[in-house]
Amino acid sequence: MKHLVTGVCGFVASNLARKLLEAGHHVTGIDNMSCGYFSNIADLIGHKSGFHFEEADVRDWKGTGESYDAVWHLAARGELYYCRDHIDEAIDVNIKGTLNMLKLAKESLASHFYFADTSAEYDSFEDEQYYPVAEWMAPNTITPMGYYAITKMAASQFVRSFGKTNDIGTTLFRYTNIYGPEMNLSRDIPPVIGSFANKLFNGVACVIYGDGSKRRDFLHIDDLSDLHLAALEHRQDKKDSQTFNGGSGENHSIHEVWEVVYNSCIEYYPNASGNVIYQPDQPNEAQITLVNIDKAKEHLGWEPKISFSEGVGKTVTNLWERFCNDRKSNA
């Protein structure tokens, strides 16, 4: 099968492309390099299954004239704070870019469109009685309220409507907090697990936004890639639209996360500082993320296999290797 993957130089999409290639599929990947890194796909160049890369923007790319069996639209402006401060760009990329990729899917005769939605659509549920949240619970008049989540919600409705109108099956994934080796640590506010490990290895105090009581549902990148492949197996020939939560179904407080990461880091760097700096909470950020994954279990035969402690251990090992290699390079 032939696949188009957008945002292919990003953390999630590069792992998806790699899994597709390993399964014998042909992959064309595009990225405008605003958030992605070529190093994430360097090993894919020249892959025997066939990998083609183009530096291109989802907002105006017209394709190459090639047909695709499936389009995986994972490119987006995803940082909550960035979308808050650059709302016009967030609308342009997340909504208009999605519309352009939907049109391209139709023109390239794709039979299925896979879309990276977000669990931030549940961002305004504050009472614990709502958790774990199921797919049918959003959107509504209460949630979402964050600018990033609103752009993804609007894009997801276009995905459903366009697919129904044009006889293209659509599958949407509401990711929680995805982590693992090679995650992007260059963002102003990096993913919390990578941020903690990176600061511990560099002798810098870890930063916690708020009081550390926020709870997050984490999913390891390998489990997410398995979810993608399960959707391909069970959904590719379907013409309806379905949304699936992509999380672990359990959550941890930021304090708990810090403790697990710290204990993993001191196995490699016993002198790691245990200092923590508390800063004001980020506005419009959910206090809880916790998703119900029963639908994915039932319809896709998928469930996470990697425990949180195991996943953190794998991630810390990778980050330690990167840290040591960087020190050698700078010596």
Protein backbone atom coordinates (compact mmCIF):
# COMPACT_ATOMS: atom_id res chain seq x y z
CA MET A 1 0.00 0.00 0.00
CA LYS A 2 1.01 3.61 -0.59
CA HIS A 3 0.79 6.06 2.29
CA LEU A 4 1.19 9.80 2.64
CA VAL A 5 2.38 10.92 6.11
CA THR A 6 2.38 14.62 6.99
CA GLY A 7 4.66 16.05 9.66
CA VAL A 8 6.93 13.09 8.99
CA CYS A 9 9.99 14.65 10.65
CA GLY A 10 8.13 14.94 13.93
CA PHE A 11 8.30 12.51 16.83
CA VAL A 12 5.02 10.65 16.26
CA ALA A 13 4.91 10.71 12.45
CA SER A 14 8.50 9.53 11.98
CA ASN A 15 7.78 6.52 14.19
CA LEU A 16 4.61 5.81 12.18
CA ALA A 17 6.52 6.02 8.89
CA ARG A 18 9.16 3.64 10.21
CA LYS A 19 6.53 1.08 11.27
CA LEU A 20 4.77 1.31 7.90
CA LEU A 21 8.02 0.76 6.04
CA GLU A 22 8.93 -2.20 8.27
CA ALA A 23 5.55 -3.70 7.35
CA GLY A 24 6.41 -3.43 3.65
CA HIS A 25 4.42 -0.31 2.74
CA HIS A 26 5.59 2.58 0.56
CA VAL A 27 5.65 5.95 2.32
CA THR A 28 5.79 9.51 1.05
CA GLY A 29 6.46 11.94 3.86
CA ILE A 30 6.24 15.72 3.91
CA ASP A 31 7.29 18.28 6.52
CA ASN A 32 7.96 22.02 6.42
CA MET A 33 10.66 21.59 9.12
CA SER A 34 9.14 24.21 11.43
CA CYS A 35 8.94 21.69 14.27
CA GLY A 36 10.45 18.51 12.83
CA TYR A 37 14.03 17.31 12.49
CA PHE A 38 15.54 15.54 9.51
CA SER A 39 17.54 13.38 11.91
CA ASN A 40 14.25 11.65 12.83
CA ILE A 41 13.99 10.17 9.32
CA ALA A 42 17.65 9.95 8.27
CA ASP A 43 17.59 6.17 8.67
CA LEU A 44 14.54 5.89 6.40
CA ILE A 45 16.21 7.35 3.31
CA GLY A 46 16.86 4.54 0.87
CA HIS A 47 14.63 2.08 2.74
CA LYS A 48 13.95 -1.02 0.63
CA SER A 49 10.16 -0.61 0.94
CA GLY A 50 10.35 2.82 -0.64
CA PHE A 51 10.48 6.12 1.23
CA HIS A 52 10.21 9.51 -0.45
CA PHE A 53 10.56 12.81 1.39
CA GLU A 54 9.56 16.30 0.34
CA GLU A 55 10.06 19.49 2.31
CA ALA A 56 6.60 20.96 1.92
CA ASP A 57 3.85 22.75 3.84
CA VAL A 58 0.42 21.17 4.34
CA ARG A 59 -1.21 24.55 3.72
CA ASP A 60 -0.23 24.75 0.05
CA TRP A 61 1.27 21.42 -1.05
CA LYS A 62 -0.46 20.09 -4.17
CA GLY A 63 1.11 16.65 -4.17
CA THR A 64 3.14 14.96 -6.89
CA GLY A 65 0.27 13.48 -8.89
CA GLU A 66 0.82 10.13 -7.19
CA SER A 67 -2.15 8.20 -5.79
CA TYR A 68 -2.28 7.00 -2.19
CA ASP A 69 -4.24 4.31 -0.42
CA ALA A 70 -4.15 6.20 2.86
CA VAL A 71 -3.34 9.70 4.08
CA TRP A 72 -2.07 10.12 7.64
CA HIS A 73 -2.40 13.79 8.59
CA LEU A 74 -0.28 14.29 11.69
CA ALA A 75 1.21 17.71 10.95
CA ALA A 76 0.01 20.53 13.23
CA ARG A 77 0.98 23.43 15.44
CA GLY A 78 0.60 21.53 18.66
CA GLU A 79 2.00 23.53 21.56
CA LEU A 80 -0.81 24.94 23.74
CA TYR A 81 1.06 28.13 24.60
CA TYR A 82 2.18 28.70 20.99
CA CYS A 83 -1.36 28.43 19.66
CA ARG A 84 -2.57 30.76 22.40
CA ASP A 85 -0.04 33.40 21.37
CA HIS A 86 -0.26 32.81 17.60
CA ILE A 87 -3.92 32.03 17.03
CA ASP A 88 -3.94 33.10 13.36
CA GLU A 89 -1.13 30.69 12.53
CA ALA A 90 -2.81 27.92 14.55
CA ILE A 91 -5.99 28.38 12.52
CA ASP A 92 -4.04 28.53 9.28
CA VAL A 93 -2.06 25.34 9.92
CA ASN A 94 -4.47 23.22 11.94
CA ILE A 95 -7.69 24.01 10.09
CA LYS A 96 -6.78 25.29 6.63
CA GLY A 97 -3.88 22.85 6.38
CA THR A 98 -6.23 19.98 7.20
CA LEU A 99 -8.69 21.11 4.54
CA ASN A 100 -5.91 21.15 1.96
CA MET A 101 -4.86 17.62 2.91
CA LEU A 102 -8.47 16.44 2.68
CA LYS A 103 -8.69 17.83 -0.84
CA LEU A 104 -5.41 16.15 -1.70
CA ALA A 105 -6.72 12.84 -0.31
CA LYS A 106 -9.72 13.09 -2.63
CA GLU A 107 -7.60 14.01 -5.65
CA SER A 108 -5.13 11.19 -4.95
CA LEU A 109 -7.99 8.65 -4.68
CA ALA A 110 -7.20 7.75 -1.08
CA SER A 111 -9.76 5.41 0.44
CA HIS A 112 -9.01 6.36 4.06
CA PHE A 113 -7.90 9.48 5.96
CA TYR A 114 -6.27 9.11 9.39
CA PHE A 115 -6.17 12.24 11.54
CA ALA A 116 -4.24 13.22 14.66
CA ASP A 117 -6.88 14.76 16.90
CA THR A 118 -6.15 15.50 20.57
CA SER A 119 -7.36 14.60 24.04
CA ALA A 120 -7.18 18.34 24.72
CA GLU A 121 -10.74 18.34 23.40
CA TYR A 122 -11.65 17.27 26.95
CA ASP A 123 -9.72 20.20 28.47
CA SER A 124 -12.62 21.85 30.33
CA PHE A 125 -13.77 18.83 32.33
CA GLU A 126 -12.63 19.66 35.86
CA ASP A 127 -14.64 17.34 38.10
CA GLU A 128 -13.16 13.86 38.56
CA GLN A 129 -16.60 12.36 37.97
CA TYR A 130 -16.08 12.86 34.22
CA TYR A 131 -12.96 10.67 34.12
CA PRO A 132 -11.93 8.53 32.36
CA VAL A 133 -13.41 10.40 29.40
CA ALA A 134 -14.93 8.55 26.45
CA GLU A 135 -14.90 9.68 22.83
CA TRP A 136 -18.59 10.71 22.77
CA MET A 137 -18.11 13.27 25.56
CA ALA A 138 -16.56 15.97 23.35
CA PRO A 139 -17.02 18.34 21.70
CA ASN A 140 -19.93 20.14 23.38
CA THR A 141 -20.78 23.60 24.74
CA ILE A 142 -18.47 23.07 27.72
CA THR A 143 -15.37 21.68 26.07
CA PRO A 144 -12.95 22.36 24.46
CA MET A 145 -12.02 25.92 25.43
CA GLY A 146 -8.25 26.11 24.78
CA TYR A 147 -7.31 27.68 21.44
CA TYR A 148 -5.23 24.70 20.30
CA ALA A 149 -8.00 22.25 21.16
CA ILE A 150 -10.59 24.40 19.38
CA THR A 151 -8.56 24.39 16.16
CA LYS A 152 -8.22 20.61 16.32
CA MET A 153 -11.91 20.22 17.10
CA ALA A 154 -12.85 22.33 14.09
CA ALA A 155 -10.44 20.39 11.88
CA SER A 156 -11.83 17.07 13.13
CA GLN A 157 -15.37 18.11 12.20
CA PHE A 158 -14.15 18.99 8.70
CA VAL A 159 -12.51 15.55 8.52
CA ARG A 160 -15.76 13.79 9.40
CA SER A 161 -17.88 15.95 7.09
CA PHE A 162 -15.48 15.81 4.13
CA GLY A 163 -15.08 12.07 4.47
CA LYS A 164 -18.82 11.47 4.55
CA THR A 165 -19.43 13.77 1.58
CA ASN A 166 -16.69 12.24 -0.54
CA ASP A 167 -16.97 8.56 0.45
CA ILE A 168 -13.60 8.54 2.23
CA GLY A 169 -13.33 6.59 5.46
CA THR A 170 -11.93 8.57 8.38
CA THR A 171 -10.28 7.53 11.62
CA LEU A 172 -9.37 10.08 14.29
CA PHE A 173 -6.98 9.56 17.20
CA ARG A 174 -7.21 11.61 20.38
CA TYR A 175 -3.66 11.35 21.70
CA THR A 176 -2.85 11.96 25.35
CA ASN A 177 0.76 12.65 26.42
CA ILE A 178 2.98 10.68 24.06
CA TYR A 179 6.54 10.03 25.18
CA GLY A 180 9.54 7.91 24.34
CA PRO A 181 13.00 7.95 22.74
CA GLU A 182 13.74 10.80 20.32
CA MET A 183 10.97 13.06 21.65
CA ASN A 184 11.43 16.75 20.85
CA LEU A 185 13.26 18.52 23.69
CA SER A 186 13.80 21.78 21.80
CA ARG A 187 10.37 23.24 22.47
CA ASP A 188 10.15 26.19 24.87
CA ILE A 189 8.24 23.90 27.24
CA PRO A 190 9.36 20.35 26.32
CA PRO A 191 7.35 17.19 27.15
CA VAL A 192 7.56 16.74 30.90
CA ILE A 193 9.33 13.35 31.02
CA GLY A 194 12.05 14.42 28.60
CA SER A 195 12.32 17.84 30.25
CA PHE A 196 12.90 16.34 33.69
CA ALA A 197 15.52 13.86 32.44
CA ASN A 198 17.33 16.46 30.35
CA LYS A 199 17.56 18.90 33.26
CA LEU A 200 18.67 16.20 35.70
CA PHE A 201 21.49 15.09 33.39
CA ASN A 202 22.59 18.69 32.89
CA GLY A 203 22.57 19.55 36.58
CA VAL A 204 19.68 22.00 36.25
CA ALA A 205 16.70 22.23 38.59
CA CYS A 206 13.51 20.71 37.20
CA VAL A 207 10.56 23.04 36.64
CA ILE A 208 7.03 22.11 37.69
CA TYR A 209 4.19 24.35 36.55
CA GLY A 210 1.59 24.59 39.29
CA ASP A 211 1.81 22.61 42.52
CA GLY A 212 2.57 19.23 40.93
CA SER A 213 -0.89 17.79 41.51
CA LYS A 214 -1.95 17.87 37.85
CA ARG A 215 -2.47 14.35 36.56
CA ARG A 216 -1.55 13.15 33.09
CA ASP A 217 -2.33 10.06 31.02
CA PHE A 218 0.90 8.94 29.31
CA LEU A 219 1.28 6.60 26.33
CA HIS A 220 4.61 5.26 25.09
CA ILE A 221 5.35 5.88 21.42
CA ASP A 222 5.67 2.15 20.68
CA ASP A 223 2.15 1.55 21.99
CA LEU A 224 0.87 4.45 19.89
CA SER A 225 2.52 3.03 16.77
CA ASP A 226 0.79 -0.28 17.49
CA LEU A 227 -2.52 1.61 17.73
CA HIS A 228 -1.88 3.16 14.31
CA LEU A 229 -1.17 -0.23 12.75
CA ALA A 230 -4.23 -1.76 14.43
CA ALA A 231 -6.35 1.00 12.91
CA LEU A 232 -4.83 0.35 9.50
CA GLU A 233 -5.70 -3.34 9.80
CA HIS A 234 -9.27 -2.85 11.00
CA ARG A 235 -10.29 0.47 9.45
CA GLN A 236 -8.65 0.85 6.04
CA ASP A 237 -11.59 -0.63 4.12
CA LYS A 238 -14.26 1.13 6.21
CA LYS A 239 -16.12 4.19 4.86
CA ASP A 240 -17.56 5.51 8.12
CA SER A 241 -15.92 7.83 10.66
CA GLN A 242 -14.70 6.69 14.06
CA THR A 243 -12.72 8.39 16.83
CA PHE A 244 -10.43 6.52 19.22
CA ASN A 245 -8.72 7.68 22.39
CA GLY A 246 -4.98 7.05 22.31
CA GLY A 247 -3.88 6.80 25.93
CA SER A 248 -3.00 4.30 28.62
CA GLY A 249 -6.20 4.56 30.62
CA GLU A 250 -4.28 5.49 33.79
CA ASN A 251 -2.69 8.71 34.97
CA HIS A 252 0.03 10.04 37.26
CA SER A 253 0.56 13.31 39.09
CA ILE A 254 3.46 15.47 37.94
CA HIS A 255 5.07 14.85 41.32
CA GLU A 256 4.84 11.10 40.69
CA VAL A 257 6.31 11.57 37.22
CA TRP A 258 9.23 13.51 38.65
CA GLU A 259 9.93 10.76 41.17
CA VAL A 260 9.90 7.98 38.56
CA VAL A 261 12.13 9.97 36.19
CA TYR A 262 14.52 10.97 38.98
CA ASN A 263 14.92 7.38 40.17
CA SER A 264 15.62 6.26 36.59
CA CYS A 265 18.15 9.05 36.02
CA ILE A 266 20.24 8.44 39.14
CA GLU A 267 20.96 4.91 37.88
CA TYR A 268 23.11 6.63 35.22
CA TYR A 269 23.95 9.89 36.97
CA PRO A 270 24.01 9.40 40.77
CA ASN A 271 24.88 13.06 41.38
CA ALA A 272 21.72 14.36 39.70
CA SER A 273 20.24 17.28 41.58
CA GLY A 274 16.88 16.75 43.21
CA ASN A 275 16.05 20.46 43.15
CA VAL A 276 12.66 21.52 41.81
CA ILE A 277 11.45 25.01 40.90
CA TYR A 278 7.72 25.72 40.98
CA GLN A 279 6.33 28.23 38.52
CA PRO A 280 2.76 29.49 37.88
CA ASP A 281 0.49 27.11 36.02
CA GLN A 282 0.06 27.57 32.28
CA PRO A 283 -3.33 29.12 31.42
CA ASN A 284 -6.04 26.98 29.78
CA GLU A 285 -4.21 23.79 30.69
CA ALA A 286 -6.26 20.81 31.83
CA GLN A 287 -5.75 19.69 35.40
CA ILE A 288 -6.52 16.07 34.54
CA THR A 289 -6.06 13.90 31.48
CA LEU A 290 -7.38 10.37 31.66
CA VAL A 291 -9.06 8.60 28.75
CA ASN A 292 -11.26 5.56 28.42
CA ILE A 293 -9.68 3.17 25.88
CA ASP A 294 -12.42 0.53 25.82
CA LYS A 295 -13.45 1.48 22.28
CA ALA A 296 -9.97 0.86 20.87
CA LYS A 297 -9.78 -2.42 22.76
CA GLU A 298 -13.12 -3.59 21.40
CA HIS A 299 -12.97 -2.36 17.81
CA LEU A 300 -9.24 -2.49 17.08
CA GLY A 301 -8.06 -5.27 19.37
CA TRP A 302 -5.47 -2.89 20.82
CA GLU A 303 -4.29 -2.09 24.31
CA PRO A 304 -1.03 -0.68 25.72
CA LYS A 305 1.71 -3.15 26.58
CA ILE A 306 4.39 -0.90 28.09
CA SER A 307 3.98 0.10 31.73
CA PHE A 308 4.76 3.65 32.77
CA SER A 309 7.86 2.68 34.76
CA GLU A 310 9.17 0.53 31.89
CA GLY A 311 8.50 3.27 29.35
CA VAL A 312 10.23 5.91 31.45
CA GLY A 313 13.20 3.58 31.88
CA LYS A 314 13.52 3.10 28.12
CA THR A 315 13.20 6.82 27.52
CA VAL A 316 15.78 7.78 30.15
CA THR A 317 18.24 5.22 28.72
CA ASN A 318 17.88 6.81 25.28
CA LEU A 319 18.25 10.34 26.65
CA TRP A 320 21.36 9.33 28.61
CA GLU A 321 22.93 7.94 25.43
CA ARG A 322 22.09 11.18 23.61
CA PHE A 323 23.54 13.19 26.52
CA CYS A 324 26.81 11.20 26.46
CA ASN A 325 27.09 11.50 22.66
CA ASP A 326 26.54 15.26 22.82
CA ARG A 327 29.26 15.61 25.45
CA LYS A 328 31.68 13.63 23.28
CA SER A 329 30.84 15.79 20.27
CA ASN A 330 31.43 18.98 22.23
CA ALA A 331 34.62 17.79 23.92
